Amino acid sequence: MTGYWCEHAWLPGGVAAGVLIEVANGVITSVSTVDAPGDATRLSGVVLPGFANAHSHAFHRALRGRTHGDGGTFWTWREGMYALAGKLTPDSYLRLARAVYAEMAVAGVTCAGEFHYLHDRSNEMGEALRQAAADAGIRLTLLDTCYLAGGIDTPVQGVQERFTDGTAEAWAARVALLRDDATTRIGAAIHSVRAVPRAALAEVASAFPDRPLHVHLSEQPAENEACLAAYGRTPTELLHEAGALTPRTTAVHATHLSTKDIELLGGSRTGACFCPSTEADLADGIGPARELVDAGSPLSLGSDQHAVIDPLLESRALEHGERLRTGRRGRFAPAELMAALTNHASVGWPEAGRLAVGAPADFVAVRLDSARTAGSLPAQVVLTATASDVAVVVVAGRVIARDGVHETLGDVGKLSTEAIEELWA
């Protein structure tokens, strides 16, 4: 039995002071309030449930600081991404992903949803991602992604050949060989309505009915225009027709939606994953987050291309985007932002994301005495803190990061530099 005494803790009922969390076999066994830590490890500041990064493309991290000043659009940025994808091997991807997941760990991410489409028609790259997450000490949901076309009525070409299995049947057969383990769960993804033809959507959506299903949705107006021209339907309507909108589904980005799209997503309880730093960096736009939540879509957050890895910044950017879009403050209450930050159900870990008996012992201590957080009420720290304020990260009851340094992998900056410089050498 291990004990952690929290100066403050974000419990399901709100923030409480003097909270003792007891852990056995990686699971929370007791949560109580006591005045002093006794023999328990003291965690200062406010302790939050571990963060879920619901949308990650680990290999995109190697583009950080190399594309931001180039101008252009999402579509020109994509050419740089393709060039990077062509360089990766299982060994170099393991080293890069290990650095990415370690960076997530020190930022408070305890579970990542990896939207994985760099396959080479095998599971070798996916297994590299599994190993990288295990090395970093975080949980992983490998969202193995079906990618069959280079665009609507356009075959894959060039580096896109690395993304495809050729058919939905071949994709499903390969994914069926992947197995869950103690820290990894397998999910599925439809890359987009651009990359999965209409005739294959239902097959992909139904291939693994008990697992999470993610899909890039309406990130760019050009995707909507192409879909309407080819099928007479929006991407959301096309997915609805295929039976792909369900409570286990998460629509990533969901930026350019019609009123009917919002109704279809909310009415089906399809989740929405916003990635504000990426959506800003790629000039995607600001999606209707509040309307989606009000319609019934659970919200999650992701760092996508990893222009930054800072879940607290993503949550604040979500609220700030709403303010800029509507001219109103407080579109999301701190508790709603925390729910999005800790939405593990979106990546298939519904038991996680809360400080309660029976939940995995995954939590994050955030400082309340830094230059950014000094004076903050504990219940409003989500609106003031950044990843720099993450003091201690615990996964399955074990400390994996402390004050920006990974407990076993060490200096994340050095780890990232070595992995990225190798790729661009």
Protein backbone atom coordinates (compact mmCIF):
# COMPACT_ATOMS: atom_id res chain seq x y z
CA MET A 1 0.00 0.00 0.00
CA THR A 2 1.30 3.45 -0.99
CA GLY A 3 -0.15 6.71 0.25
CA TYR A 4 -0.14 10.21 -1.28
CA TRP A 5 -1.32 13.17 0.75
CA CYS A 6 -2.56 16.03 -1.44
CA GLU A 7 -2.58 19.62 -0.24
CA HIS A 8 -5.60 19.99 -2.53
CA ALA A 9 -7.19 17.43 -4.84
CA TRP A 10 -9.75 17.64 -7.63
CA LEU A 11 -12.29 15.01 -6.57
CA PRO A 12 -15.46 14.09 -8.50
CA GLY A 13 -17.42 16.43 -6.23
CA GLY A 14 -14.98 19.34 -6.53
CA VAL A 15 -11.70 20.51 -5.01
CA ALA A 16 -11.01 19.40 -1.44
CA ALA A 17 -8.13 20.16 0.94
CA GLY A 18 -6.03 17.58 2.80
CA VAL A 19 -6.84 14.50 0.73
CA LEU A 20 -5.15 11.14 1.33
CA ILE A 21 -5.10 8.80 -1.68
CA GLU A 22 -4.11 5.22 -0.95
CA VAL A 23 -2.96 2.94 -3.74
CA ALA A 24 -2.44 -0.81 -4.12
CA ASN A 25 -1.52 -2.68 -7.32
CA GLY A 26 -1.78 0.52 -9.33
CA VAL A 27 -5.39 1.22 -8.32
CA ILE A 28 -6.85 3.77 -5.91
CA THR A 29 -8.16 1.88 -2.88
CA SER A 30 -9.11 4.76 -0.59
CA VAL A 31 -9.75 8.50 -0.78
CA SER A 32 -10.20 10.37 2.49
CA THR A 33 -9.56 13.75 4.08
CA VAL A 34 -6.97 14.02 6.81
CA ASP A 35 -5.22 17.02 8.35
CA ALA A 36 -1.61 15.83 8.02
CA PRO A 37 0.31 13.55 5.63
CA GLY A 38 1.73 11.22 8.24
CA ASP A 39 3.85 8.62 6.43
CA ALA A 40 2.28 9.38 3.03
CA THR A 41 4.18 11.15 0.25
CA ARG A 42 3.22 14.83 0.26
CA LEU A 43 2.04 16.39 -2.99
CA SER A 44 1.88 20.18 -2.81
CA GLY A 45 -0.35 22.41 -4.91
CA VAL A 46 -3.44 20.80 -6.42
CA VAL A 47 -3.60 17.18 -7.56
CA LEU A 48 -5.64 16.52 -10.69
CA PRO A 49 -6.58 13.29 -12.44
CA GLY A 50 -4.07 12.37 -15.15
CA PHE A 51 -4.61 14.04 -18.51
CA ALA A 52 -5.77 12.13 -21.60
CA ASN A 53 -4.22 13.24 -24.90
CA ALA A 54 -6.96 11.94 -27.17
CA HIS A 55 -5.29 12.72 -30.51
CA SER A 56 -1.60 12.26 -31.23
CA HIS A 57 0.45 11.82 -34.41
CA ALA A 58 3.79 11.05 -32.74
CA PHE A 59 5.91 11.42 -35.87
CA HIS A 60 4.68 14.97 -36.51
CA ARG A 61 6.73 16.10 -33.50
CA ALA A 62 9.81 16.17 -35.75
CA LEU A 63 8.21 19.04 -37.73
CA ARG A 64 8.09 21.40 -34.74
CA GLY A 65 10.12 24.53 -35.44
CA ARG A 66 10.65 23.51 -39.08
CA THR A 67 7.34 24.46 -40.73
CA HIS A 68 5.80 27.28 -38.71
CA GLY A 69 7.38 30.14 -40.64
CA ASP A 70 6.80 28.74 -44.12
CA GLY A 71 3.41 30.31 -44.79
CA GLY A 72 1.01 28.47 -47.06
CA THR A 73 -1.92 26.33 -45.92
CA PHE A 74 -2.72 22.98 -44.36
CA TRP A 75 -2.22 21.43 -47.78
CA THR A 76 1.29 22.83 -48.25
CA TRP A 77 2.20 21.83 -44.67
CA ARG A 78 1.10 18.32 -45.58
CA GLU A 79 3.90 18.02 -48.14
CA GLY A 80 6.48 18.49 -45.38
CA MET A 81 4.69 15.88 -43.31
CA TYR A 82 4.85 13.43 -46.20
CA ALA A 83 8.58 14.04 -46.59
CA LEU A 84 9.07 13.21 -42.91
CA ALA A 85 6.89 10.10 -43.15
CA GLY A 86 9.14 8.80 -45.89
CA LYS A 87 12.18 8.87 -43.60
CA LEU A 88 10.95 6.79 -40.68
CA THR A 89 11.95 3.22 -39.87
CA PRO A 90 10.67 1.15 -36.94
CA ASP A 91 13.88 1.88 -35.00
CA SER A 92 13.90 5.63 -35.66
CA TYR A 93 10.17 5.82 -34.93
CA LEU A 94 10.72 4.05 -31.61
CA ARG A 95 13.32 6.65 -30.61
CA LEU A 96 11.19 9.59 -31.75
CA ALA A 97 7.97 8.30 -30.18
CA ARG A 98 9.77 7.52 -26.91
CA ALA A 99 10.82 11.17 -26.75
CA VAL A 100 7.30 12.36 -27.63
CA TYR A 101 5.63 10.22 -24.99
CA ALA A 102 8.23 11.25 -22.42
CA GLU A 103 7.43 14.88 -23.23
CA MET A 104 3.76 14.07 -22.69
CA ALA A 105 4.57 12.39 -19.38
CA VAL A 106 6.36 15.39 -17.91
CA ALA A 107 3.43 17.57 -19.08
CA GLY A 108 0.93 15.47 -17.11
CA VAL A 109 -0.37 13.17 -19.85
CA THR A 110 -0.96 9.70 -18.42
CA CYS A 111 -2.76 8.23 -21.46
CA ALA A 112 -2.39 8.96 -25.18
CA GLY A 113 -4.58 8.10 -28.14
CA GLU A 114 -2.22 7.53 -31.07
CA PHE A 115 -3.93 8.01 -34.45
CA HIS A 116 -1.62 5.62 -36.27
CA TYR A 117 -1.53 5.38 -40.06
CA LEU A 118 2.18 4.88 -40.82
CA HIS A 119 1.86 1.11 -41.28
CA ASP A 120 3.87 -0.31 -44.20
CA ARG A 121 1.21 -3.06 -44.26
CA SER A 122 2.53 -4.57 -41.04
CA ASN A 123 2.29 -4.04 -37.29
CA GLU A 124 5.99 -3.28 -36.85
CA MET A 125 5.49 0.49 -36.56
CA GLY A 126 2.55 0.00 -34.19
CA GLU A 127 4.63 -2.23 -31.96
CA ALA A 128 7.32 0.46 -31.89
CA LEU A 129 4.70 2.89 -30.60
CA ARG A 130 3.59 0.38 -27.96
CA GLN A 131 7.18 -0.01 -26.76
CA ALA A 132 7.77 3.76 -26.76
CA ALA A 133 4.76 4.39 -24.53
CA ALA A 134 5.79 1.59 -22.17
CA ASP A 135 9.28 3.08 -21.93
CA ALA A 136 7.76 6.47 -21.08
CA GLY A 137 5.45 4.89 -18.49
CA ILE A 138 2.15 6.10 -19.93
CA ARG A 139 -0.93 4.25 -21.12
CA LEU A 140 -1.54 4.04 -24.87
CA THR A 141 -4.53 3.52 -27.10
CA LEU A 142 -3.27 2.55 -30.55
CA LEU A 143 -5.95 3.83 -32.91
CA ASP A 144 -4.93 1.86 -35.96
CA THR A 145 -6.13 3.86 -38.94
CA CYS A 146 -7.63 2.71 -42.21
CA TYR A 147 -6.26 4.72 -45.15
CA LEU A 148 -7.22 3.55 -48.65
CA ALA A 149 -7.21 6.57 -50.97
CA GLY A 150 -5.19 9.70 -51.65
CA GLY A 151 -8.41 11.72 -51.88
CA ILE A 152 -11.96 11.23 -53.09
CA ASP A 153 -11.70 9.21 -56.33
CA THR A 154 -7.89 9.52 -56.14
CA PRO A 155 -5.57 6.55 -55.60
CA VAL A 156 -2.77 6.63 -53.03
CA GLN A 157 0.53 7.78 -54.45
CA GLY A 158 4.08 8.34 -53.29
CA VAL A 159 4.58 8.12 -49.55
CA GLN A 160 0.85 7.44 -49.07
CA GLU A 161 1.68 3.85 -50.07
CA ARG A 162 3.13 3.53 -46.55
CA PHE A 163 -0.28 4.37 -45.08
CA THR A 164 -2.50 1.87 -46.88
CA ASP A 165 -3.35 -1.81 -46.54
CA GLY A 166 -5.00 -1.80 -49.96
CA THR A 167 -8.48 -2.83 -48.80
CA ALA A 168 -10.63 -2.48 -45.70
CA GLU A 169 -10.58 -6.26 -45.33
CA ALA A 170 -6.77 -6.36 -45.33
CA TRP A 171 -6.65 -3.50 -42.81
CA ALA A 172 -9.06 -5.29 -40.46
CA ALA A 173 -7.14 -8.58 -40.74
CA ARG A 174 -3.88 -6.87 -39.79
CA VAL A 175 -5.41 -4.94 -36.89
CA ALA A 176 -7.02 -8.14 -35.57
CA LEU A 177 -3.51 -9.46 -34.88
CA LEU A 178 -2.85 -6.66 -32.37
CA ARG A 179 -3.55 -7.45 -28.73
CA ASP A 180 -4.25 -5.38 -25.65
CA ASP A 181 -1.80 -5.56 -22.77
CA ALA A 182 -1.65 -4.06 -19.28
CA THR A 183 -0.87 -0.56 -20.56
CA THR A 184 -2.01 -0.65 -24.22
CA ARG A 185 -5.47 -0.91 -25.74
CA ILE A 186 -6.21 -1.27 -29.44
CA GLY A 187 -8.72 0.95 -31.20
CA ALA A 188 -9.58 1.81 -34.78
CA ALA A 189 -9.81 4.90 -36.93
CA ILE A 190 -11.12 6.09 -40.26
CA HIS A 191 -8.50 8.52 -41.47
CA SER A 192 -11.11 10.75 -43.17
CA VAL A 193 -13.80 10.59 -45.82
CA ARG A 194 -11.03 11.60 -48.21
CA ALA A 195 -8.95 8.53 -47.42
CA VAL A 196 -11.69 5.92 -46.97
CA PRO A 197 -14.14 5.65 -49.88
CA ARG A 198 -17.87 5.68 -49.27
CA ALA A 199 -18.20 1.97 -50.11
CA ALA A 200 -15.72 1.01 -47.36
CA LEU A 201 -16.88 3.28 -44.54
CA ALA A 202 -19.46 0.92 -43.05
CA GLU A 203 -17.04 -2.02 -43.16
CA VAL A 204 -14.36 -0.07 -41.30
CA ALA A 205 -16.83 1.38 -38.80
CA SER A 206 -18.21 -2.04 -37.86
CA ALA A 207 -14.94 -4.00 -37.90
CA PHE A 208 -14.26 -3.68 -34.16
CA PRO A 209 -17.61 -2.83 -32.52
CA ASP A 210 -16.34 -2.95 -28.93
CA ARG A 211 -13.38 -0.62 -29.44
CA PRO A 212 -13.07 3.16 -29.76
CA LEU A 213 -13.36 4.53 -33.29
CA HIS A 214 -11.85 7.89 -34.25
CA VAL A 215 -12.07 9.90 -37.47
CA HIS A 216 -10.69 13.19 -38.80
CA LEU A 217 -13.79 15.23 -39.61
CA SER A 218 -14.24 18.50 -41.52
CA GLU A 219 -10.86 19.92 -40.58
CA GLN A 220 -10.75 21.92 -43.82
CA PRO A 221 -13.51 23.51 -45.96
CA ALA A 222 -11.97 21.82 -49.01
CA GLU A 223 -12.84 18.41 -47.52
CA ASN A 224 -16.48 19.44 -47.17
CA GLU A 225 -16.60 20.83 -50.69
CA ALA A 226 -15.11 17.69 -52.21
CA CYS A 227 -17.46 15.44 -50.25
CA LEU A 228 -20.54 17.44 -51.25
CA ALA A 229 -19.46 17.44 -54.89
CA ALA A 230 -18.85 13.67 -54.94
CA TYR A 231 -21.64 12.39 -52.71
CA GLY A 232 -24.13 15.22 -52.20
CA ARG A 233 -23.54 14.94 -48.46
CA THR A 234 -21.32 16.54 -45.85
CA PRO A 235 -18.65 14.31 -44.29
CA THR A 236 -20.78 14.06 -41.14
CA GLU A 237 -23.83 12.99 -43.14
CA LEU A 238 -21.74 10.41 -44.99
CA LEU A 239 -20.45 8.94 -41.72
CA HIS A 240 -23.99 8.90 -40.33
CA GLU A 241 -25.18 7.01 -43.41
CA ALA A 242 -22.41 4.43 -42.83
CA GLY A 243 -23.34 3.89 -39.18
CA ALA A 244 -20.07 5.38 -38.01
CA LEU A 245 -21.54 7.91 -35.57
CA THR A 246 -21.89 6.18 -32.19
CA PRO A 247 -21.03 6.80 -28.52
CA ARG A 248 -17.72 4.96 -29.07
CA THR A 249 -16.81 7.31 -31.95
CA THR A 250 -14.76 10.50 -31.61
CA ALA A 251 -14.76 13.09 -34.40
CA VAL A 252 -11.40 14.85 -34.41
CA HIS A 253 -11.33 18.60 -35.21
CA ALA A 254 -15.02 18.90 -36.23
CA THR A 255 -14.22 22.43 -37.29
CA HIS A 256 -16.45 23.29 -40.26
CA LEU A 257 -19.89 21.92 -39.42
CA SER A 258 -23.44 22.70 -40.45
CA THR A 259 -26.29 22.90 -37.96
CA LYS A 260 -27.43 19.48 -39.15
CA ASP A 261 -23.91 18.08 -38.66
CA ILE A 262 -23.94 19.26 -35.05
CA GLU A 263 -27.34 17.67 -34.49
CA LEU A 264 -26.16 14.34 -35.96
CA LEU A 265 -23.00 14.28 -33.86
CA GLY A 266 -24.70 15.30 -30.64
CA GLY A 267 -27.74 13.12 -31.16
CA SER A 268 -25.56 10.04 -31.63
CA ARG A 269 -23.40 10.94 -28.62
CA THR A 270 -20.36 10.99 -30.91
CA GLY A 271 -17.48 12.66 -29.10
CA ALA A 272 -15.57 15.67 -30.41
CA CYS A 273 -11.81 16.03 -29.95
CA PHE A 274 -10.49 19.54 -30.37
CA CYS A 275 -6.78 20.20 -30.88
CA PRO A 276 -6.60 23.99 -30.49
CA SER A 277 -2.85 24.49 -30.86
CA THR A 278 -2.74 22.48 -34.08
CA GLU A 279 -5.94 24.00 -35.43
CA ALA A 280 -4.39 27.42 -34.88
CA ASP A 281 -0.97 26.49 -36.27
CA LEU A 282 -2.46 24.99 -39.45
CA ALA A 283 -4.99 27.81 -39.85
CA ASP A 284 -7.84 25.29 -39.72
CA GLY A 285 -10.32 27.57 -37.95
CA ILE A 286 -12.25 27.47 -34.68
CA GLY A 287 -14.93 24.81 -34.38
CA PRO A 288 -18.30 25.01 -32.58
CA ALA A 289 -17.23 23.36 -29.34
CA ARG A 290 -19.97 24.77 -27.12
CA GLU A 291 -22.69 23.89 -29.60
CA LEU A 292 -21.41 20.33 -29.88
CA VAL A 293 -21.35 19.84 -26.13
CA ASP A 294 -24.83 21.34 -25.77
CA ALA A 295 -26.06 18.96 -28.50
CA GLY A 296 -24.72 15.96 -26.58
CA SER A 297 -21.15 15.38 -27.78
CA PRO A 298 -18.61 14.66 -25.02
CA LEU A 299 -15.50 16.78 -25.48
CA SER A 300 -11.84 15.67 -25.40
CA LEU A 301 -8.53 17.35 -26.21
CA GLY A 302 -5.45 16.41 -28.21
CA SER A 303 -2.09 17.82 -29.20
CA ASP A 304 -2.26 16.33 -32.73
CA GLN A 305 0.94 17.46 -34.53
CA HIS A 306 2.59 18.52 -31.25
CA ALA A 307 3.30 22.13 -32.12
CA VAL A 308 3.25 22.17 -28.32
CA ILE A 309 2.65 19.40 -25.81
CA ASP A 310 0.82 21.15 -23.01
CA PRO A 311 -2.64 19.84 -22.09
CA LEU A 312 -3.34 22.78 -19.80
CA LEU A 313 -2.58 25.20 -22.62
CA GLU A 314 -4.88 23.22 -24.95
CA SER A 315 -7.74 23.50 -22.48
CA ARG A 316 -7.23 27.23 -22.10
CA ALA A 317 -6.95 27.67 -25.87
CA LEU A 318 -10.29 25.90 -26.23
CA GLU A 319 -11.95 28.46 -23.96
CA HIS A 320 -10.11 31.37 -25.56
CA GLY A 321 -11.17 30.20 -29.02
CA GLU A 322 -14.77 30.22 -27.86
CA ARG A 323 -14.35 33.74 -26.48
CA LEU A 324 -12.83 34.98 -29.75
CA ARG A 325 -15.54 33.25 -31.77
CA THR A 326 -18.49 34.51 -29.74
CA GLY A 327 -17.37 37.63 -27.88
CA ARG A 328 -18.36 36.07 -24.55
CA ARG A 329 -16.28 34.89 -21.58
CA GLY A 330 -16.73 31.72 -19.55
CA ARG A 331 -18.05 29.57 -22.37
CA PHE A 332 -16.65 26.54 -20.53
CA ALA A 333 -16.51 26.42 -16.76
CA PRO A 334 -13.26 25.12 -15.21
CA ALA A 335 -14.98 21.83 -14.36
CA GLU A 336 -15.96 21.37 -18.01
CA LEU A 337 -12.40 22.04 -19.13
CA MET A 338 -11.18 19.50 -16.59
CA ALA A 339 -13.67 16.95 -17.91
CA ALA A 340 -12.28 17.44 -21.42
CA LEU A 341 -8.68 17.21 -20.16
CA THR A 342 -9.38 13.91 -18.41
CA ASN A 343 -11.76 12.26 -20.90
CA HIS A 344 -10.20 8.79 -20.96
CA ALA A 345 -13.45 7.21 -22.17
CA SER A 346 -12.76 8.72 -25.59
CA VAL A 347 -9.70 6.48 -25.91
CA GLY A 348 -11.16 3.38 -24.35
CA TRP A 349 -10.11 3.73 -20.70
CA PRO A 350 -13.49 4.65 -19.10
CA GLU A 351 -12.32 3.62 -15.63
CA ALA A 352 -9.59 6.29 -15.64
CA GLY A 353 -9.71 10.06 -15.33
CA ARG A 354 -10.97 10.52 -11.80
CA LEU A 355 -9.62 10.42 -8.25
CA ALA A 356 -11.94 7.77 -6.87
CA VAL A 357 -11.81 4.27 -5.43
CA GLY A 358 -11.34 1.70 -8.17
CA ALA A 359 -9.83 4.10 -10.69
CA PRO A 360 -6.25 3.70 -11.93
CA ALA A 361 -3.86 5.64 -9.69
CA ASP A 362 -2.95 8.17 -12.39
CA PHE A 363 -2.66 11.76 -11.19
CA VAL A 364 -0.80 15.02 -11.62
CA ALA A 365 0.35 17.53 -8.98
CA VAL A 366 0.30 21.12 -10.27
CA ARG A 367 2.12 23.90 -8.42
CA LEU A 368 0.15 26.78 -6.97
CA ASP A 369 3.22 28.90 -6.14
CA SER A 370 4.80 29.54 -9.55
CA ALA A 371 4.94 32.90 -11.31
CA ARG A 372 1.91 31.76 -13.36
CA THR A 373 -0.23 30.15 -10.67
CA ALA A 374 0.53 32.25 -7.57
CA GLY A 375 -2.76 33.53 -6.21
CA SER A 376 -4.91 31.13 -8.22
CA LEU A 377 -7.81 29.43 -6.56
CA PRO A 378 -7.19 25.67 -6.83
CA ALA A 379 -10.46 25.29 -8.72
CA GLN A 380 -9.29 27.76 -11.39
CA VAL A 381 -5.74 26.46 -11.92
CA VAL A 382 -6.77 25.02 -15.28
CA LEU A 383 -7.02 28.63 -16.48
CA THR A 384 -3.61 29.73 -15.21
CA ALA A 385 -1.18 26.80 -15.17
CA THR A 386 0.94 25.41 -17.98
CA ALA A 387 2.96 22.23 -18.36
CA SER A 388 5.83 24.07 -16.66
CA ASP A 389 3.80 23.97 -13.45
CA VAL A 390 3.43 20.19 -13.44
CA ALA A 391 5.47 19.09 -10.42
CA VAL A 392 4.81 15.35 -10.09
CA VAL A 393 3.18 12.79 -12.40
CA VAL A 394 2.02 9.41 -11.11
CA VAL A 395 0.86 6.48 -13.28
CA ALA A 396 -0.43 3.27 -11.71
CA GLY A 397 0.75 4.57 -8.33
CA ARG A 398 4.35 5.12 -9.47
CA VAL A 399 6.05 8.49 -9.96
CA ILE A 400 7.14 8.73 -13.61
CA ALA A 401 8.11 12.42 -13.79
CA ARG A 402 9.12 15.15 -11.40
CA ASP A 403 9.69 18.87 -12.11
CA GLY A 404 9.99 18.42 -15.86
CA VAL A 405 12.40 15.49 -15.75
CA HIS A 406 11.41 11.94 -16.60
CA GLU A 407 12.28 9.55 -13.79
CA THR A 408 13.79 6.86 -16.04
CA LEU A 409 14.45 8.59 -19.37
CA GLY A 410 15.95 11.77 -17.93
CA ASP A 411 16.17 15.05 -19.84
CA VAL A 412 13.36 15.11 -22.40
CA GLY A 413 15.00 17.92 -24.39
CA LYS A 414 18.11 15.84 -24.93
CA LEU A 415 16.05 12.79 -25.81
CA SER A 416 14.05 14.76 -28.39
CA THR A 417 17.09 16.48 -29.88
CA GLU A 418 18.88 13.19 -30.49
CA ALA A 419 15.84 11.53 -32.07
CA ILE A 420 14.93 14.48 -34.32
CA GLU A 421 18.44 15.34 -35.47
CA GLU A 422 18.92 11.72 -36.50
CA LEU A 423 15.86 11.97 -38.78
CA TRP A 424 16.91 15.20 -40.47
CA ALA A 425 20.63 14.37 -40.77
